[in-house]
N, C-alpha and C. Protein backbone atom coordinates (compact mmCIF):
# COMPACT_ATOMS: atom_id res chain seq x y z
N MET A 1 137.09 -2.83 110.36
CA MET A 1 137.99 -3.96 110.28
C MET A 1 139.42 -3.44 110.35
N ALA A 2 140.15 -3.89 111.33
CA ALA A 2 141.57 -3.51 111.45
C ALA A 2 142.41 -4.46 110.60
N LEU A 3 143.26 -3.90 109.79
CA LEU A 3 144.13 -4.70 108.94
C LEU A 3 145.58 -4.39 109.29
N SER A 4 146.35 -5.42 109.50
CA SER A 4 147.78 -5.25 109.77
C SER A 4 148.51 -4.96 108.47
N ARG A 5 149.76 -4.53 108.59
CA ARG A 5 150.58 -4.31 107.40
C ARG A 5 150.72 -5.60 106.61
N GLN A 6 150.82 -6.72 107.33
CA GLN A 6 150.92 -8.02 106.67
C GLN A 6 149.64 -8.32 105.89
N ASP A 7 148.47 -8.00 106.47
CA ASP A 7 147.19 -8.18 105.78
C ASP A 7 147.13 -7.33 104.51
N LEU A 8 147.54 -6.06 104.65
CA LEU A 8 147.52 -5.15 103.49
C LEU A 8 148.43 -5.67 102.38
N THR A 9 149.62 -6.13 102.77
CA THR A 9 150.56 -6.67 101.79
C THR A 9 149.95 -7.86 101.06
N ALA A 10 149.33 -8.76 101.80
CA ALA A 10 148.72 -9.95 101.18
C ALA A 10 147.59 -9.55 100.24
N LEU A 11 146.74 -8.61 100.65
CA LEU A 11 145.63 -8.18 99.80
C LEU A 11 146.13 -7.56 98.49
N ILE A 12 147.14 -6.73 98.58
CA ILE A 12 147.67 -6.07 97.39
C ILE A 12 148.42 -7.07 96.52
N ASP A 13 149.20 -7.95 97.13
CA ASP A 13 149.95 -8.95 96.36
C ASP A 13 149.01 -9.89 95.60
N GLU A 14 147.87 -10.22 96.19
CA GLU A 14 146.92 -11.17 95.59
C GLU A 14 145.93 -10.51 94.64
N SER A 15 145.86 -9.19 94.66
CA SER A 15 144.89 -8.47 93.85
C SER A 15 145.19 -8.59 92.36
N MET A 16 144.18 -8.91 91.58
CA MET A 16 144.28 -8.95 90.14
C MET A 16 144.76 -7.59 89.61
N LEU A 17 144.37 -6.56 90.29
CA LEU A 17 144.73 -5.21 89.88
C LEU A 17 146.22 -4.94 90.01
N PHE A 18 146.85 -5.48 91.04
CA PHE A 18 148.23 -5.11 91.34
C PHE A 18 149.27 -6.22 91.21
N ARG A 19 148.86 -7.46 91.04
CA ARG A 19 149.84 -8.55 91.10
C ARG A 19 150.90 -8.52 90.01
N SER A 20 150.65 -7.83 88.91
CA SER A 20 151.67 -7.75 87.86
C SER A 20 152.72 -6.67 88.13
N LEU A 21 152.52 -5.88 89.17
CA LEU A 21 153.47 -4.82 89.50
C LEU A 21 154.70 -5.39 90.20
N SER A 22 155.76 -4.64 90.19
CA SER A 22 156.98 -5.06 90.87
C SER A 22 156.74 -5.10 92.38
N PRO A 23 157.52 -5.91 93.10
CA PRO A 23 157.39 -5.93 94.58
C PRO A 23 157.56 -4.54 95.19
N GLU A 24 158.43 -3.73 94.62
CA GLU A 24 158.65 -2.38 95.15
C GLU A 24 157.41 -1.50 94.96
N ALA A 25 156.77 -1.62 93.81
CA ALA A 25 155.55 -0.84 93.56
C ALA A 25 154.43 -1.28 94.49
N ARG A 26 154.30 -2.60 94.70
CA ARG A 26 153.26 -3.10 95.61
C ARG A 26 153.53 -2.63 97.04
N GLU A 27 154.78 -2.61 97.45
CA GLU A 27 155.12 -2.14 98.80
C GLU A 27 154.79 -0.66 98.95
N ALA A 28 155.02 0.11 97.91
CA ALA A 28 154.67 1.54 97.94
C ALA A 28 153.16 1.72 98.07
N LEU A 29 152.38 0.83 97.45
CA LEU A 29 150.92 0.89 97.58
C LEU A 29 150.49 0.57 99.02
N VAL A 30 151.15 -0.39 99.64
CA VAL A 30 150.85 -0.71 101.05
C VAL A 30 151.04 0.54 101.89
N ASP A 31 152.09 1.30 101.61
CA ASP A 31 152.40 2.50 102.39
C ASP A 31 151.31 3.56 102.32
N ILE A 32 150.59 3.64 101.22
CA ILE A 32 149.57 4.70 101.07
C ILE A 32 148.15 4.21 101.28
N ALA A 33 147.94 2.90 101.42
CA ALA A 33 146.58 2.35 101.54
C ALA A 33 145.90 2.83 102.82
N GLN A 34 144.63 3.20 102.68
CA GLN A 34 143.79 3.58 103.82
C GLN A 34 142.61 2.62 103.87
N VAL A 35 142.31 2.12 105.06
CA VAL A 35 141.19 1.19 105.24
C VAL A 35 139.92 2.01 105.45
N HIS A 36 138.88 1.69 104.67
CA HIS A 36 137.60 2.40 104.73
C HIS A 36 136.47 1.37 104.88
N THR A 37 135.63 1.54 105.88
CA THR A 37 134.47 0.65 106.02
C THR A 37 133.23 1.37 105.46
N PHE A 38 132.30 0.57 104.95
CA PHE A 38 131.07 1.12 104.41
C PHE A 38 129.90 0.22 104.79
N THR A 39 128.71 0.80 104.77
CA THR A 39 127.50 0.05 105.09
C THR A 39 126.51 0.19 103.92
N LEU A 40 125.40 -0.52 104.03
CA LEU A 40 124.36 -0.46 103.01
C LEU A 40 123.97 1.00 102.74
N GLY A 41 124.04 1.41 101.50
CA GLY A 41 123.62 2.75 101.10
C GLY A 41 124.70 3.82 101.17
N ASP A 42 125.81 3.56 101.84
CA ASP A 42 126.90 4.55 101.88
C ASP A 42 127.39 4.82 100.46
N VAL A 43 127.52 6.08 100.10
CA VAL A 43 128.01 6.45 98.78
C VAL A 43 129.52 6.71 98.89
N LEU A 44 130.29 5.89 98.17
CA LEU A 44 131.75 6.06 98.17
C LEU A 44 132.19 7.00 97.05
N ILE A 45 131.50 6.93 95.93
CA ILE A 45 131.76 7.82 94.80
C ILE A 45 130.40 8.24 94.26
N GLU A 46 130.25 9.55 94.02
CA GLU A 46 129.00 10.05 93.46
C GLU A 46 129.22 10.55 92.05
N GLU A 47 128.37 10.10 91.15
CA GLU A 47 128.47 10.51 89.74
C GLU A 47 128.48 12.04 89.66
N GLY A 48 129.40 12.56 88.86
CA GLY A 48 129.50 14.00 88.67
C GLY A 48 130.43 14.69 89.66
N CYS A 49 130.90 13.96 90.68
CA CYS A 49 131.79 14.54 91.69
C CYS A 49 133.22 14.06 91.47
N ARG A 50 134.14 14.75 92.12
CA ARG A 50 135.56 14.40 92.02
C ARG A 50 135.81 13.05 92.67
N VAL A 51 136.65 12.23 92.05
CA VAL A 51 137.04 10.94 92.59
C VAL A 51 138.25 11.17 93.50
N GLU A 52 138.13 10.75 94.75
CA GLU A 52 139.18 11.01 95.74
C GLU A 52 140.30 9.98 95.72
N GLY A 53 140.09 8.86 95.04
CA GLY A 53 141.14 7.85 94.98
C GLY A 53 140.68 6.57 94.33
N LEU A 54 141.62 5.69 94.17
CA LEU A 54 141.37 4.36 93.64
C LEU A 54 141.01 3.45 94.80
N GLY A 55 140.07 2.54 94.59
CA GLY A 55 139.66 1.64 95.66
C GLY A 55 139.75 0.19 95.27
N LEU A 56 139.94 -0.65 96.29
CA LEU A 56 139.98 -2.10 96.14
C LEU A 56 139.08 -2.67 97.22
N ILE A 57 138.06 -3.43 96.83
CA ILE A 57 137.12 -3.99 97.80
C ILE A 57 137.75 -5.20 98.48
N VAL A 58 137.76 -5.17 99.81
CA VAL A 58 138.26 -6.28 100.61
C VAL A 58 137.14 -7.28 100.84
N ASP A 59 136.00 -6.78 101.30
CA ASP A 59 134.81 -7.61 101.50
C ASP A 59 133.58 -6.73 101.38
N GLY A 60 132.41 -7.37 101.32
CA GLY A 60 131.18 -6.62 101.11
C GLY A 60 130.92 -6.43 99.63
N ALA A 61 130.03 -5.51 99.30
CA ALA A 61 129.68 -5.28 97.90
C ALA A 61 129.27 -3.83 97.67
N LEU A 62 129.58 -3.34 96.48
CA LEU A 62 129.20 -2.00 96.06
C LEU A 62 128.38 -2.09 94.78
N ARG A 63 127.30 -1.30 94.72
CA ARG A 63 126.46 -1.21 93.52
C ARG A 63 126.96 -0.04 92.68
N VAL A 64 127.18 -0.30 91.39
CA VAL A 64 127.64 0.73 90.46
C VAL A 64 126.47 1.07 89.55
N SER A 65 126.12 2.36 89.51
CA SER A 65 125.02 2.79 88.64
C SER A 65 125.38 4.13 88.01
N THR A 66 124.72 4.41 86.90
CA THR A 66 124.94 5.66 86.20
C THR A 66 123.60 6.21 85.74
N SER A 67 123.55 7.51 85.56
CA SER A 67 122.34 8.13 85.03
C SER A 67 122.61 8.62 83.61
N SER A 68 123.37 7.84 82.87
CA SER A 68 123.75 8.24 81.52
C SER A 68 122.54 8.32 80.59
N LEU A 69 121.46 7.68 80.97
CA LEU A 69 120.22 7.80 80.20
C LEU A 69 119.35 8.82 80.91
N PRO A 70 118.80 9.80 80.20
CA PRO A 70 118.01 10.86 80.84
C PRO A 70 116.89 10.31 81.72
N GLY A 71 116.93 10.71 82.99
CA GLY A 71 115.88 10.35 83.92
C GLY A 71 115.88 8.91 84.38
N GLN A 72 116.87 8.13 84.00
CA GLN A 72 116.90 6.73 84.38
C GLN A 72 118.26 6.36 84.97
N ALA A 73 118.21 5.61 86.05
CA ALA A 73 119.45 5.07 86.60
C ALA A 73 119.67 3.70 85.96
N LEU A 74 120.88 3.45 85.57
CA LEU A 74 121.24 2.18 84.96
C LEU A 74 122.23 1.50 85.87
N GLU A 75 121.82 0.35 86.44
CA GLU A 75 122.76 -0.40 87.26
C GLU A 75 123.73 -1.10 86.34
N LEU A 76 125.01 -0.82 86.55
CA LEU A 76 126.04 -1.40 85.69
C LEU A 76 126.51 -2.74 86.21
N LYS A 77 126.70 -2.82 87.53
CA LYS A 77 127.16 -4.08 88.10
C LYS A 77 127.21 -3.98 89.61
N ILE A 78 127.42 -5.13 90.22
CA ILE A 78 127.70 -5.21 91.65
C ILE A 78 129.16 -5.65 91.76
N LEU A 79 129.95 -4.88 92.50
CA LEU A 79 131.35 -5.21 92.71
C LEU A 79 131.51 -5.88 94.07
N ARG A 80 132.29 -6.95 94.11
CA ARG A 80 132.53 -7.70 95.34
C ARG A 80 134.02 -7.77 95.65
N GLY A 81 134.35 -8.46 96.72
CA GLY A 81 135.74 -8.57 97.16
C GLY A 81 136.71 -8.83 96.02
N GLY A 82 137.79 -8.06 95.98
CA GLY A 82 138.80 -8.19 94.94
C GLY A 82 138.60 -7.21 93.79
N ALA A 83 137.40 -6.65 93.67
CA ALA A 83 137.13 -5.70 92.58
C ALA A 83 137.72 -4.33 92.93
N TYR A 84 137.96 -3.54 91.93
CA TYR A 84 138.54 -2.22 92.07
C TYR A 84 137.56 -1.18 91.54
N PHE A 85 137.77 0.07 91.93
CA PHE A 85 136.92 1.16 91.46
C PHE A 85 137.68 2.48 91.52
N GLY A 86 137.20 3.47 90.76
CA GLY A 86 137.78 4.80 90.78
C GLY A 86 138.89 5.03 89.78
N GLU A 87 139.23 4.01 88.99
CA GLU A 87 140.36 4.14 88.07
C GLU A 87 140.09 5.13 86.95
N VAL A 88 138.85 5.19 86.47
CA VAL A 88 138.53 6.11 85.37
C VAL A 88 138.68 7.56 85.85
N GLY A 89 138.11 7.87 87.00
CA GLY A 89 138.22 9.22 87.55
C GLY A 89 139.64 9.59 87.89
N PHE A 90 140.40 8.63 88.41
CA PHE A 90 141.80 8.90 88.74
C PHE A 90 142.58 9.25 87.48
N LEU A 91 142.42 8.45 86.43
CA LEU A 91 143.19 8.65 85.21
C LEU A 91 142.77 9.90 84.44
N SER A 92 141.47 10.14 84.37
CA SER A 92 140.97 11.25 83.56
C SER A 92 140.98 12.58 84.31
N ARG A 93 140.98 12.50 85.64
CA ARG A 93 140.88 13.71 86.50
C ARG A 93 139.60 14.46 86.22
N LYS A 94 138.60 13.74 85.74
CA LYS A 94 137.29 14.32 85.47
C LYS A 94 136.31 13.77 86.50
N PRO A 95 135.15 14.40 86.62
CA PRO A 95 134.16 13.90 87.59
C PRO A 95 133.78 12.44 87.31
N ALA A 96 133.35 11.79 88.35
CA ALA A 96 132.98 10.37 88.27
C ALA A 96 131.87 10.16 87.25
N THR A 97 131.96 9.05 86.53
CA THR A 97 130.97 8.71 85.51
C THR A 97 129.90 7.77 86.06
N ALA A 98 130.03 7.38 87.32
CA ALA A 98 129.06 6.47 87.94
C ALA A 98 129.03 6.72 89.45
N THR A 99 127.98 6.23 90.08
CA THR A 99 127.85 6.28 91.54
C THR A 99 128.12 4.89 92.09
N LEU A 100 128.90 4.83 93.17
CA LEU A 100 129.16 3.57 93.88
C LEU A 100 128.60 3.69 95.28
N ALA A 101 127.70 2.77 95.61
CA ALA A 101 127.06 2.79 96.93
C ALA A 101 127.09 1.40 97.53
N GLY A 102 127.14 1.36 98.85
CA GLY A 102 127.18 0.08 99.55
C GLY A 102 125.95 -0.76 99.25
N GLU A 103 126.17 -1.97 98.81
CA GLU A 103 125.10 -2.95 98.58
C GLU A 103 125.06 -3.92 99.76
N GLU A 104 126.23 -4.23 100.29
CA GLU A 104 126.40 -5.02 101.52
C GLU A 104 127.53 -4.36 102.29
N ALA A 105 127.41 -4.30 103.61
CA ALA A 105 128.46 -3.69 104.43
C ALA A 105 129.80 -4.36 104.14
N GLY A 106 130.86 -3.57 104.17
CA GLY A 106 132.17 -4.14 103.88
C GLY A 106 133.31 -3.19 104.14
N THR A 107 134.43 -3.56 103.56
CA THR A 107 135.68 -2.81 103.73
C THR A 107 136.34 -2.64 102.37
N ALA A 108 136.96 -1.50 102.19
CA ALA A 108 137.73 -1.24 100.97
C ALA A 108 139.05 -0.59 101.34
N LEU A 109 140.04 -0.83 100.52
CA LEU A 109 141.29 -0.10 100.62
C LEU A 109 141.18 1.08 99.67
N ILE A 110 141.52 2.25 100.15
CA ILE A 110 141.50 3.45 99.32
C ILE A 110 142.94 3.93 99.16
N PHE A 111 143.29 4.22 97.92
CA PHE A 111 144.61 4.76 97.59
C PHE A 111 144.36 6.19 97.13
N PRO A 112 144.58 7.17 98.03
CA PRO A 112 144.26 8.57 97.71
C PRO A 112 144.92 9.05 96.42
N SER A 113 144.17 9.80 95.63
CA SER A 113 144.63 10.24 94.31
C SER A 113 145.98 10.94 94.36
N GLU A 114 146.16 11.88 95.29
CA GLU A 114 147.41 12.64 95.30
C GLU A 114 148.62 11.75 95.63
N LYS A 115 148.42 10.76 96.50
CA LYS A 115 149.52 9.85 96.84
C LYS A 115 149.76 8.84 95.71
N LEU A 116 148.68 8.42 95.08
CA LEU A 116 148.81 7.49 93.96
C LEU A 116 149.50 8.18 92.78
N GLU A 117 149.15 9.43 92.56
CA GLU A 117 149.78 10.20 91.48
C GLU A 117 151.29 10.28 91.69
N ALA A 118 151.71 10.44 92.93
CA ALA A 118 153.14 10.50 93.23
C ALA A 118 153.83 9.16 92.94
N LEU A 119 153.10 8.05 93.04
CA LEU A 119 153.68 6.73 92.75
C LEU A 119 153.88 6.48 91.26
N VAL A 120 153.10 7.16 90.45
CA VAL A 120 153.17 6.93 89.00
C VAL A 120 154.53 7.34 88.44
N VAL A 121 155.17 8.33 89.05
CA VAL A 121 156.47 8.79 88.55
C VAL A 121 157.54 7.70 88.70
N PRO A 122 157.77 7.18 89.93
CA PRO A 122 158.79 6.14 90.04
C PRO A 122 158.33 4.76 89.55
N PHE A 123 157.01 4.55 89.48
CA PHE A 123 156.48 3.25 89.07
C PHE A 123 155.46 3.43 87.94
N PRO A 124 155.92 3.73 86.71
CA PRO A 124 154.99 3.99 85.61
C PRO A 124 154.10 2.80 85.28
N GLN A 125 154.49 1.59 85.68
CA GLN A 125 153.66 0.42 85.40
C GLN A 125 152.32 0.50 86.13
N VAL A 126 152.26 1.27 87.23
CA VAL A 126 150.99 1.44 87.94
C VAL A 126 149.97 2.09 87.01
N LYS A 127 150.38 3.16 86.35
CA LYS A 127 149.47 3.87 85.44
C LYS A 127 149.11 2.99 84.24
N ALA A 128 150.06 2.25 83.71
CA ALA A 128 149.81 1.39 82.55
C ALA A 128 148.75 0.34 82.88
N VAL A 129 148.84 -0.27 84.06
CA VAL A 129 147.85 -1.27 84.48
C VAL A 129 146.47 -0.63 84.59
N LEU A 130 146.41 0.53 85.23
CA LEU A 130 145.12 1.22 85.40
C LEU A 130 144.52 1.63 84.07
N GLU A 131 145.34 2.09 83.14
CA GLU A 131 144.83 2.48 81.82
C GLU A 131 144.21 1.29 81.08
N ARG A 132 144.87 0.15 81.15
CA ARG A 132 144.35 -1.06 80.49
C ARG A 132 143.00 -1.45 81.08
N LEU A 133 142.90 -1.44 82.39
CA LEU A 133 141.67 -1.84 83.05
C LEU A 133 140.55 -0.82 82.86
N ALA A 134 140.89 0.45 82.83
CA ALA A 134 139.89 1.50 82.62
C ALA A 134 139.28 1.38 81.23
N LEU A 135 140.09 1.08 80.24
CA LEU A 135 139.59 0.91 78.88
C LEU A 135 138.60 -0.25 78.82
N ARG A 136 138.95 -1.35 79.46
CA ARG A 136 138.07 -2.52 79.48
C ARG A 136 136.74 -2.17 80.14
N ARG A 137 136.80 -1.43 81.25
CA ARG A 137 135.57 -1.06 81.96
C ARG A 137 134.73 -0.10 81.14
N ALA A 138 135.35 0.85 80.45
CA ALA A 138 134.61 1.79 79.61
C ALA A 138 133.88 1.06 78.49
N GLU A 139 134.53 0.09 77.88
CA GLU A 139 133.90 -0.69 76.82
C GLU A 139 132.68 -1.44 77.35
N ASP A 140 132.78 -2.00 78.55
CA ASP A 140 131.67 -2.71 79.18
C ASP A 140 130.49 -1.78 79.44
N THR A 141 130.78 -0.57 79.92
CA THR A 141 129.72 0.41 80.20
C THR A 141 129.01 0.83 78.93
N ILE A 142 129.76 1.07 77.88
CA ILE A 142 129.16 1.45 76.59
C ILE A 142 128.25 0.33 76.08
N GLU A 143 128.72 -0.89 76.17
CA GLU A 143 127.92 -2.03 75.72
C GLU A 143 126.61 -2.14 76.49
N LYS A 144 126.65 -1.99 77.81
CA LYS A 144 125.43 -2.08 78.61
C LYS A 144 124.47 -0.94 78.32
N THR A 145 125.01 0.26 78.12
CA THR A 145 124.16 1.40 77.80
C THR A 145 123.48 1.20 76.45
N LEU A 146 124.21 0.73 75.45
CA LEU A 146 123.62 0.48 74.13
C LEU A 146 122.52 -0.58 74.20
N LYS A 147 122.76 -1.64 74.96
CA LYS A 147 121.73 -2.68 75.11
C LYS A 147 120.48 -2.11 75.75
N ARG A 148 120.66 -1.24 76.74
CA ARG A 148 119.51 -0.64 77.41
C ARG A 148 118.74 0.24 76.44
N LEU A 149 119.46 1.01 75.61
CA LEU A 149 118.81 1.86 74.63
C LEU A 149 118.04 1.06 73.59
N GLN A 150 118.56 -0.14 73.28
CA GLN A 150 117.92 -1.01 72.29
C GLN A 150 116.79 -1.83 72.89
N GLY A 151 116.58 -1.68 74.20
CA GLY A 151 115.48 -2.38 74.86
C GLY A 151 115.75 -3.81 75.22
N GLU A 152 117.01 -4.21 75.30
CA GLU A 152 117.34 -5.60 75.65
C GLU A 152 117.32 -5.80 77.13
């Protein structure tokens, strides 16, 4: 899917992830965004591997799963258009805590880690937004894992 600069600007401006940022910060994100297409089964992030960047789903769907339980994969959720991914790995600089694979063919915007890191200096609100959302997602993952352990 080819996206114009105007398309990228609209996607970032409308994104729940970025809409609270200043217009200058959103414009800087447009400058670094890379369009990535994926198909059923394509792995965008693999648990235990380095996260290459933050992503925003334009269309399609990604399945998020973890093997946090020995010998068992736990599906955490299906992410669809407008959802984001990779924030935990970006912030922690640690290997991914989950695998993201194509559930339905689609497109995502990828914001490469090294370029995103450079944006955090002039636009610290970018990191603050990501930290808030990463905490929320971590709490959700812990809750689902505990329910699975309790047999719910």
